[in-house]
Amino acid sequence: MEKLALVTGASRGFGAAMAEAFAAKGTHVIALARTTGALEELDDRIKAKGGSATLVPLDITDEQGVQRLCLSIFERWGGLDYWLHAAIFAAPLSPAGHVPQKDWRKTVDTNIHATQRLIANVEPLLIARKGAAILPHDACAGAKFFAAYGTSKAAQKALFDSWAAETRNTGLTVSSFAPAPMPTATRARFYPGEDRTPLSHPSEQAQRLLRELLP
């Protein structure tokens, strides 16, 4: 049976690196992101290496769109082997008392609410194949100026930790993964002027995670 991986947030950074890493191992990738152009570039890279992908230009806050996607996955493949959730909204850094309300609402909607609804929709697909769900985790909660982003990442991890405890006897594996600091566009916004030389490329961290998933 063909292995199948859903990567949410697949257009760039660690999500794109994981999509390419999965495809290189013969896993068909369902690549979801908002940016069509970046998805098409990802598809070109995957195809150039002999892999295959299905592109899904979709915002994860579109709950009906997510429901339709998961129903389509069930009807076509019957389940999922992997879900890598790398989709994130990273608002500009701000003191806790000065986070713009529009940024706070979008942070909560994208990083917390949409993550919980994704869990609800993806869980049956993963259980059907005794699959694995992985959340890349950034331990920045409590750092100054990270009130919005850090709070949402801590909430994501709490969601995944509870989900892991609840599904321990179902055959489903739920875990978080802390990649080493990577020279992503988001990190460049958070740490302008940082020397990026010692940072680990997303493809290196993708291979590290893949070794844990496929020893």
C-alpha atoms as a PDB file:
ATOM      1  CA  MET A   1       0.000   0.000   0.000  1.00  0.00           C
ATOM      2  CA  GLU A   2       1.294   3.459  -0.924  1.00  0.00           C
ATOM      3  CA  LYS A   3       2.371   5.532   2.080  1.00  0.00           C
ATOM      4  CA  LEU A   4       0.639   8.881   2.377  1.00  0.00           C
ATOM      5  CA  ALA A   5       1.703  12.044   4.232  1.00  0.00           C
ATOM      6  CA  LEU A   6      -0.270  15.232   4.784  1.00  0.00           C
ATOM      7  CA  VAL A   7       1.979  18.251   5.332  1.00  0.00           C
ATOM      8  CA  THR A   8       0.179  21.392   6.453  1.00  0.00           C
ATOM      9  CA  GLY A   9       2.309  24.473   5.916  1.00  0.00           C
ATOM     10  CA  ALA A  10       4.215  22.818   3.076  1.00  0.00           C
ATOM     11  CA  SER A  11       5.096  25.836   0.964  1.00  0.00           C
ATOM     12  CA  ARG A  12       8.369  26.835   2.640  1.00  0.00           C
ATOM     13  CA  GLY A  13      10.730  26.280   5.551  1.00  0.00           C
ATOM     14  CA  PHE A  14      10.567  23.075   7.562  1.00  0.00           C
ATOM     15  CA  GLY A  15       7.206  22.062   6.068  1.00  0.00           C
ATOM     16  CA  ALA A  16       8.585  22.179   2.527  1.00  0.00           C
ATOM     17  CA  ALA A  17      11.721  20.305   3.605  1.00  0.00           C
ATOM     18  CA  MET A  18       9.605  17.553   5.187  1.00  0.00           C
ATOM     19  CA  ALA A  19       7.401  17.305   2.094  1.00  0.00           C
ATOM     20  CA  GLU A  20      10.515  16.774  -0.037  1.00  0.00           C
ATOM     21  CA  ALA A  21      11.981  14.300   2.451  1.00  0.00           C
ATOM     22  CA  PHE A  22       8.791  12.226   2.561  1.00  0.00           C
ATOM     23  CA  ALA A  23       8.532  12.216  -1.241  1.00  0.00           C
ATOM     24  CA  ALA A  24      12.163  11.132  -1.602  1.00  0.00           C
ATOM     25  CA  LYS A  25      11.290   8.028   0.448  1.00  0.00           C
ATOM     26  CA  GLY A  26       8.458   7.102  -1.928  1.00  0.00           C
ATOM     27  CA  THR A  27       5.662   8.553   0.202  1.00  0.00           C
ATOM     28  CA  HIS A  28       2.955  10.421  -1.702  1.00  0.00           C
ATOM     29  CA  VAL A  29       2.679  13.901  -0.216  1.00  0.00           C
ATOM     30  CA  ILE A  30      -0.489  15.942   0.157  1.00  0.00           C
ATOM     31  CA  ALA A  31       1.036  19.413   0.364  1.00  0.00           C
ATOM     32  CA  LEU A  32      -1.230  22.055   1.874  1.00  0.00           C
ATOM     33  CA  ALA A  33      -0.480  25.776   2.053  1.00  0.00           C
ATOM     34  CA  ARG A  34      -2.053  29.112   1.138  1.00  0.00           C
ATOM     35  CA  THR A  35       0.523  30.095  -1.497  1.00  0.00           C
ATOM     36  CA  THR A  36      -0.118  28.448  -4.858  1.00  0.00           C
ATOM     37  CA  GLY A  37       3.137  29.590  -6.461  1.00  0.00           C
ATOM     38  CA  ALA A  38       5.277  28.195  -3.651  1.00  0.00           C
ATOM     39  CA  LEU A  39       3.359  24.899  -3.790  1.00  0.00           C
ATOM     40  CA  GLU A  40       4.011  24.633  -7.520  1.00  0.00           C
ATOM     41  CA  GLU A  41       7.720  25.236  -6.947  1.00  0.00           C
ATOM     42  CA  LEU A  42       7.672  22.494  -4.298  1.00  0.00           C
ATOM     43  CA  ASP A  43       5.937  20.158  -6.731  1.00  0.00           C
ATOM     44  CA  ASP A  44       8.638  20.844  -9.343  1.00  0.00           C
ATOM     45  CA  ARG A  45      11.378  19.933  -6.853  1.00  0.00           C
ATOM     46  CA  ILE A  46       9.564  16.759  -5.778  1.00  0.00           C
ATOM     47  CA  LYS A  47       8.943  15.628  -9.359  1.00  0.00           C
ATOM     48  CA  ALA A  48      12.550  16.359 -10.330  1.00  0.00           C
ATOM     49  CA  LYS A  49      13.602  13.752  -7.769  1.00  0.00           C
ATOM     50  CA  GLY A  50      11.035  11.173  -8.863  1.00  0.00           C
ATOM     51  CA  GLY A  51       8.482  11.821  -6.141  1.00  0.00           C
ATOM     52  CA  SER A  52       4.783  12.630  -6.299  1.00  0.00           C
ATOM     53  CA  ALA A  53       2.536  15.147  -4.594  1.00  0.00           C
ATOM     54  CA  THR A  54      -1.026  16.413  -4.532  1.00  0.00           C
ATOM     55  CA  LEU A  55      -1.187  20.191  -4.093  1.00  0.00           C
ATOM     56  CA  VAL A  56      -3.875  21.738  -1.885  1.00  0.00           C
ATOM     57  CA  PRO A  57      -3.967  25.551  -1.893  1.00  0.00           C
ATOM     58  CA  LEU A  58      -6.006  26.075   1.269  1.00  0.00           C
ATOM     59  CA  ASP A  59      -5.993  28.198   4.420  1.00  0.00           C
ATOM     60  CA  ILE A  60      -6.200  25.946   7.489  1.00  0.00           C
ATOM     61  CA  THR A  61      -8.705  28.352   9.063  1.00  0.00           C
ATOM     62  CA  ASP A  62     -11.179  27.322   6.331  1.00  0.00           C
ATOM     63  CA  GLU A  63     -12.791  24.557   8.363  1.00  0.00           C
ATOM     64  CA  GLN A  64     -15.208  23.488   5.642  1.00  0.00           C
ATOM     65  CA  GLY A  65     -12.307  23.280   3.197  1.00  0.00           C
ATOM     66  CA  VAL A  66     -10.373  21.116   5.662  1.00  0.00           C
ATOM     67  CA  GLN A  67     -13.399  18.862   6.122  1.00  0.00           C
ATOM     68  CA  ARG A  68     -13.763  18.447   2.355  1.00  0.00           C
ATOM     69  CA  LEU A  69     -10.068  17.645   2.037  1.00  0.00           C
ATOM     70  CA  CYS A  70     -10.183  14.979   4.744  1.00  0.00           C
ATOM     71  CA  LEU A  71     -13.287  13.423   3.211  1.00  0.00           C
ATOM     72  CA  SER A  72     -11.519  13.319  -0.169  1.00  0.00           C
ATOM     73  CA  ILE A  73      -8.481  11.656   1.427  1.00  0.00           C
ATOM     74  CA  PHE A  74     -10.730   9.028   3.003  1.00  0.00           C
ATOM     75  CA  GLU A  75     -12.621   8.364  -0.216  1.00  0.00           C
ATOM     76  CA  ARG A  76      -9.453   8.067  -2.321  1.00  0.00           C
ATOM     77  CA  TRP A  77      -6.927   6.487   0.066  1.00  0.00           C
ATOM     78  CA  GLY A  78      -8.851   5.361   3.156  1.00  0.00           C
ATOM     79  CA  GLY A  79      -6.478   7.007   5.634  1.00  0.00           C
ATOM     80  CA  LEU A  80      -3.159   8.712   6.327  1.00  0.00           C
ATOM     81  CA  ASP A  81       0.212   7.389   7.453  1.00  0.00           C
ATOM     82  CA  TYR A  82       1.672  10.744   8.526  1.00  0.00           C
ATOM     83  CA  TRP A  83       0.559  14.258   9.362  1.00  0.00           C
ATOM     84  CA  LEU A  84       3.226  16.923   9.793  1.00  0.00           C
ATOM     85  CA  HIS A  85       1.665  20.170  11.052  1.00  0.00           C
ATOM     86  CA  ALA A  86       4.007  23.034  10.181  1.00  0.00           C
ATOM     87  CA  ALA A  87       1.414  25.693   9.310  1.00  0.00           C
ATOM     88  CA  ILE A  88       1.830  28.749  11.521  1.00  0.00           C
ATOM     89  CA  PHE A  89       0.972  32.428  11.703  1.00  0.00           C
ATOM     90  CA  ALA A  90       3.845  34.462  13.124  1.00  0.00           C
ATOM     91  CA  ALA A  91       2.764  37.973  14.057  1.00  0.00           C
ATOM     92  CA  PRO A  92       5.417  40.666  14.542  1.00  0.00           C
ATOM     93  CA  LEU A  93       7.029  40.484  17.972  1.00  0.00           C
ATOM     94  CA  SER A  94       5.430  42.771  20.526  1.00  0.00           C
ATOM     95  CA  PRO A  95       5.263  43.345  24.302  1.00  0.00           C
ATOM     96  CA  ALA A  96       2.439  41.378  25.922  1.00  0.00           C
ATOM     97  CA  GLY A  97       0.319  44.454  26.579  1.00  0.00           C
ATOM     98  CA  HIS A  98       0.735  45.864  23.094  1.00  0.00           C
ATOM     99  CA  VAL A  99      -0.128  42.977  20.767  1.00  0.00           C
ATOM    100  CA  PRO A 100      -2.508  44.407  18.123  1.00  0.00           C
ATOM    101  CA  GLN A 101      -5.906  42.769  18.472  1.00  0.00           C
ATOM    102  CA  LYS A 102      -6.024  41.807  14.806  1.00  0.00           C
ATOM    103  CA  ASP A 103      -2.697  39.967  15.227  1.00  0.00           C
ATOM    104  CA  TRP A 104      -3.874  38.309  18.446  1.00  0.00           C
ATOM    105  CA  ARG A 105      -7.108  37.098  16.834  1.00  0.00           C
ATOM    106  CA  LYS A 106      -5.320  35.744  13.764  1.00  0.00           C
ATOM    107  CA  THR A 107      -2.719  34.040  15.972  1.00  0.00           C
ATOM    108  CA  VAL A 108      -5.407  32.311  18.033  1.00  0.00           C
ATOM    109  CA  ASP A 109      -7.537  31.427  14.982  1.00  0.00           C
ATOM    110  CA  THR A 110      -4.640  29.978  12.976  1.00  0.00           C
ATOM    111  CA  ASN A 111      -2.327  28.468  15.555  1.00  0.00           C
ATOM    112  CA  ILE A 112      -4.766  27.243  18.203  1.00  0.00           C
ATOM    113  CA  HIS A 113      -8.340  26.964  16.917  1.00  0.00           C
ATOM    114  CA  ALA A 114      -7.418  25.663  13.452  1.00  0.00           C
ATOM    115  CA  THR A 115      -4.945  23.181  14.963  1.00  0.00           C
ATOM    116  CA  GLN A 116      -7.669  21.733  17.210  1.00  0.00           C
ATOM    117  CA  ARG A 117     -10.084  21.419  14.283  1.00  0.00           C
ATOM    118  CA  LEU A 118      -7.382  19.777  12.157  1.00  0.00           C
ATOM    119  CA  ILE A 119      -6.851  17.219  14.911  1.00  0.00           C
ATOM    120  CA  ALA A 120     -10.584  16.464  14.926  1.00  0.00           C
ATOM    121  CA  ASN A 121     -10.670  15.948  11.159  1.00  0.00           C
ATOM    122  CA  VAL A 122      -7.351  14.167  10.670  1.00  0.00           C
ATOM    123  CA  GLU A 123      -7.532  11.779  13.640  1.00  0.00           C
ATOM    124  CA  PRO A 124      -9.867   9.200  11.998  1.00  0.00           C
ATOM    125  CA  LEU A 125      -7.615   9.085   8.917  1.00  0.00           C
ATOM    126  CA  LEU A 126      -4.518   8.414  11.024  1.00  0.00           C
ATOM    127  CA  ILE A 127      -6.231   5.810  13.196  1.00  0.00           C
ATOM    128  CA  ALA A 128      -7.332   3.967  10.039  1.00  0.00           C
ATOM    129  CA  ARG A 129      -3.662   3.352   9.158  1.00  0.00           C
ATOM    130  CA  LYS A 130      -2.144   3.458  12.662  1.00  0.00           C
ATOM    131  CA  GLY A 131      -0.329   6.561  11.529  1.00  0.00           C
ATOM    132  CA  ALA A 132       1.753   9.269  13.164  1.00  0.00           C
ATOM    133  CA  ALA A 133       1.134  12.972  13.793  1.00  0.00           C
ATOM    134  CA  ILE A 134       4.083  15.287  14.386  1.00  0.00           C
ATOM    135  CA  LEU A 135       4.156  18.908  15.558  1.00  0.00           C
ATOM    136  CA  PRO A 136       7.374  20.902  15.064  1.00  0.00           C
ATOM    137  CA  HIS A 137       7.781  22.652  18.412  1.00  0.00           C
ATOM    138  CA  ASP A 138       9.515  25.959  19.081  1.00  0.00           C
ATOM    139  CA  ALA A 139      10.194  26.410  22.797  1.00  0.00           C
ATOM    140  CA  CYS A 140       9.890  30.192  22.886  1.00  0.00           C
ATOM    141  CA  ALA A 141       7.021  30.540  25.372  1.00  0.00           C
ATOM    142  CA  GLY A 142       7.850  33.083  28.046  1.00  0.00           C
ATOM    143  CA  ALA A 143      10.553  34.869  26.076  1.00  0.00           C
ATOM    144  CA  LYS A 144      10.218  38.651  25.940  1.00  0.00           C
ATOM    145  CA  PHE A 145       8.155  39.983  23.031  1.00  0.00           C
ATOM    146  CA  PHE A 146       6.938  36.444  22.159  1.00  0.00           C
ATOM    147  CA  ALA A 147       3.580  36.799  23.941  1.00  0.00           C
ATOM    148  CA  ALA A 148       1.407  36.008  20.920  1.00  0.00           C
ATOM    149  CA  TYR A 149       3.592  33.528  19.048  1.00  0.00           C
ATOM    150  CA  GLY A 150       4.976  31.846  22.176  1.00  0.00           C
ATOM    151  CA  THR A 151       1.548  31.465  23.766  1.00  0.00           C
ATOM    152  CA  SER A 152       0.141  29.874  20.627  1.00  0.00           C
ATOM    153  CA  LYS A 153       3.069  27.459  20.251  1.00  0.00           C
ATOM    154  CA  ALA A 154       2.721  26.402  23.893  1.00  0.00           C
ATOM    155  CA  ALA A 155      -0.997  25.854  23.326  1.00  0.00           C
ATOM    156  CA  GLN A 156      -0.284  23.763  20.225  1.00  0.00           C
ATOM    157  CA  LYS A 157       2.076  21.543  22.181  1.00  0.00           C
ATOM    158  CA  ALA A 158      -0.476  21.189  24.987  1.00  0.00           C
ATOM    159  CA  LEU A 159      -3.069  20.099  22.414  1.00  0.00           C
ATOM    160  CA  PHE A 160      -0.711  17.510  20.948  1.00  0.00           C
ATOM    161  CA  ASP A 161       0.377  16.273  24.395  1.00  0.00           C
ATOM    162  CA  SER A 162      -3.235  15.734  25.465  1.00  0.00           C
ATOM    163  CA  TRP A 163      -4.029  14.073  22.150  1.00  0.00           C
ATOM    164  CA  ALA A 164      -1.035  11.767  22.586  1.00  0.00           C
ATOM    165  CA  ALA A 165      -2.241  10.692  26.040  1.00  0.00           C
ATOM    166  CA  GLU A 166      -5.787  10.134  24.818  1.00  0.00           C
ATOM    167  CA  THR A 167      -4.839   7.986  21.819  1.00  0.00           C
ATOM    168  CA  ARG A 168      -2.044   5.900  23.331  1.00  0.00           C
ATOM    169  CA  ASN A 169      -3.999   2.654  22.952  1.00  0.00           C
ATOM    170  CA  THR A 170      -5.412   3.304  19.476  1.00  0.00           C
ATOM    171  CA  GLY A 171      -2.275   2.578  17.441  1.00  0.00           C
ATOM    172  CA  LEU A 172      -1.929   6.271  16.604  1.00  0.00           C
ATOM    173  CA  THR A 173       1.411   7.919  17.459  1.00  0.00           C
ATOM    174  CA  VAL A 174       1.340  11.617  18.375  1.00  0.00           C
ATOM    175  CA  SER A 175       4.508  13.522  19.169  1.00  0.00           C
ATOM    176  CA  SER A 176       6.265  16.880  18.985  1.00  0.00           C
ATOM    177  CA  PHE A 177       9.663  17.505  17.437  1.00  0.00           C
ATOM    178  CA  ALA A 178      12.051  20.318  18.315  1.00  0.00           C
ATOM    179  CA  PRO A 179      14.199  21.113  15.281  1.00  0.00           C
ATOM    180  CA  ALA A 180      17.466  22.922  15.750  1.00  0.00           C
ATOM    181  CA  PRO A 181      17.365  26.647  14.882  1.00  0.00           C
ATOM    182  CA  MET A 182      16.959  26.995  11.107  1.00  0.00           C
ATOM    183  CA  PRO A 183      17.498  29.950   8.737  1.00  0.00           C
ATOM    184  CA  THR A 184      13.818  30.306   7.854  1.00  0.00           C
ATOM    185  CA  ALA A 185      12.035  33.492   6.807  1.00  0.00           C
ATOM    186  CA  THR A 186      10.155  33.520  10.115  1.00  0.00           C
ATOM    187  CA  ARG A 187      13.353  33.331  12.144  1.00  0.00           C
ATOM    188  CA  ALA A 188      14.869  36.124  10.044  1.00  0.00           C
ATOM    189  CA  ARG A 189      11.936  38.329  11.054  1.00  0.00           C
ATOM    190  CA  PHE A 190      12.310  37.414  14.714  1.00  0.00           C
ATOM    191  CA  TYR A 191      16.108  37.779  14.830  1.00  0.00           C
ATOM    192  CA  PRO A 192      17.148  40.373  12.235  1.00  0.00           C
ATOM    193  CA  GLY A 193      20.889  40.701  11.832  1.00  0.00           C
ATOM    194  CA  GLU A 194      21.560  37.247  13.310  1.00  0.00           C
ATOM    195  CA  ASP A 195      24.566  35.343  11.967  1.00  0.00           C
ATOM    196  CA  ARG A 196      22.801  32.554  10.077  1.00  0.00           C
ATOM    197  CA  THR A 197      25.977  30.583   9.354  1.00  0.00           C
ATOM    198  CA  PRO A 198      25.698  28.177  12.321  1.00  0.00           C
ATOM    199  CA  LEU A 199      21.993  27.526  11.780  1.00  0.00           C
ATOM    200  CA  SER A 200      20.882  24.116  10.534  1.00  0.00           C
ATOM    201  CA  HIS A 201      19.275  23.903   7.093  1.00  0.00           C
ATOM    202  CA  PRO A 202      15.625  22.724   7.162  1.00  0.00           C
ATOM    203  CA  SER A 203      16.554  19.716   4.991  1.00  0.00           C
ATOM    204  CA  GLU A 204      19.030  18.558   7.664  1.00  0.00           C
ATOM    205  CA  GLN A 205      16.351  18.720  10.347  1.00  0.00           C
ATOM    206  CA  ALA A 206      13.870  16.991   8.038  1.00  0.00           C
ATOM    207  CA  GLN A 207      16.284  14.093   7.631  1.00  0.00           C
ATOM    208  CA  ARG A 208      16.751  13.984  11.407  1.00  0.00           C
ATOM    209  CA  LEU A 209      12.998  13.674  11.936  1.00  0.00           C
ATOM    210  CA  LEU A 210      12.676  11.139   9.160  1.00  0.00           C
ATOM    211  CA  ARG A 211      15.308   8.940  10.857  1.00  0.00           C
ATOM    212  CA  GLU A 212      13.123   8.947  13.972  1.00  0.00           C
ATOM    213  CA  LEU A 213       9.979   8.100  12.012  1.00  0.00           C
ATOM    214  CA  LEU A 214      11.597   5.536   9.705  1.00  0.00           C
ATOM    215  CA  PRO A 215      14.543   4.045  11.614  1.00  0.00           C
END
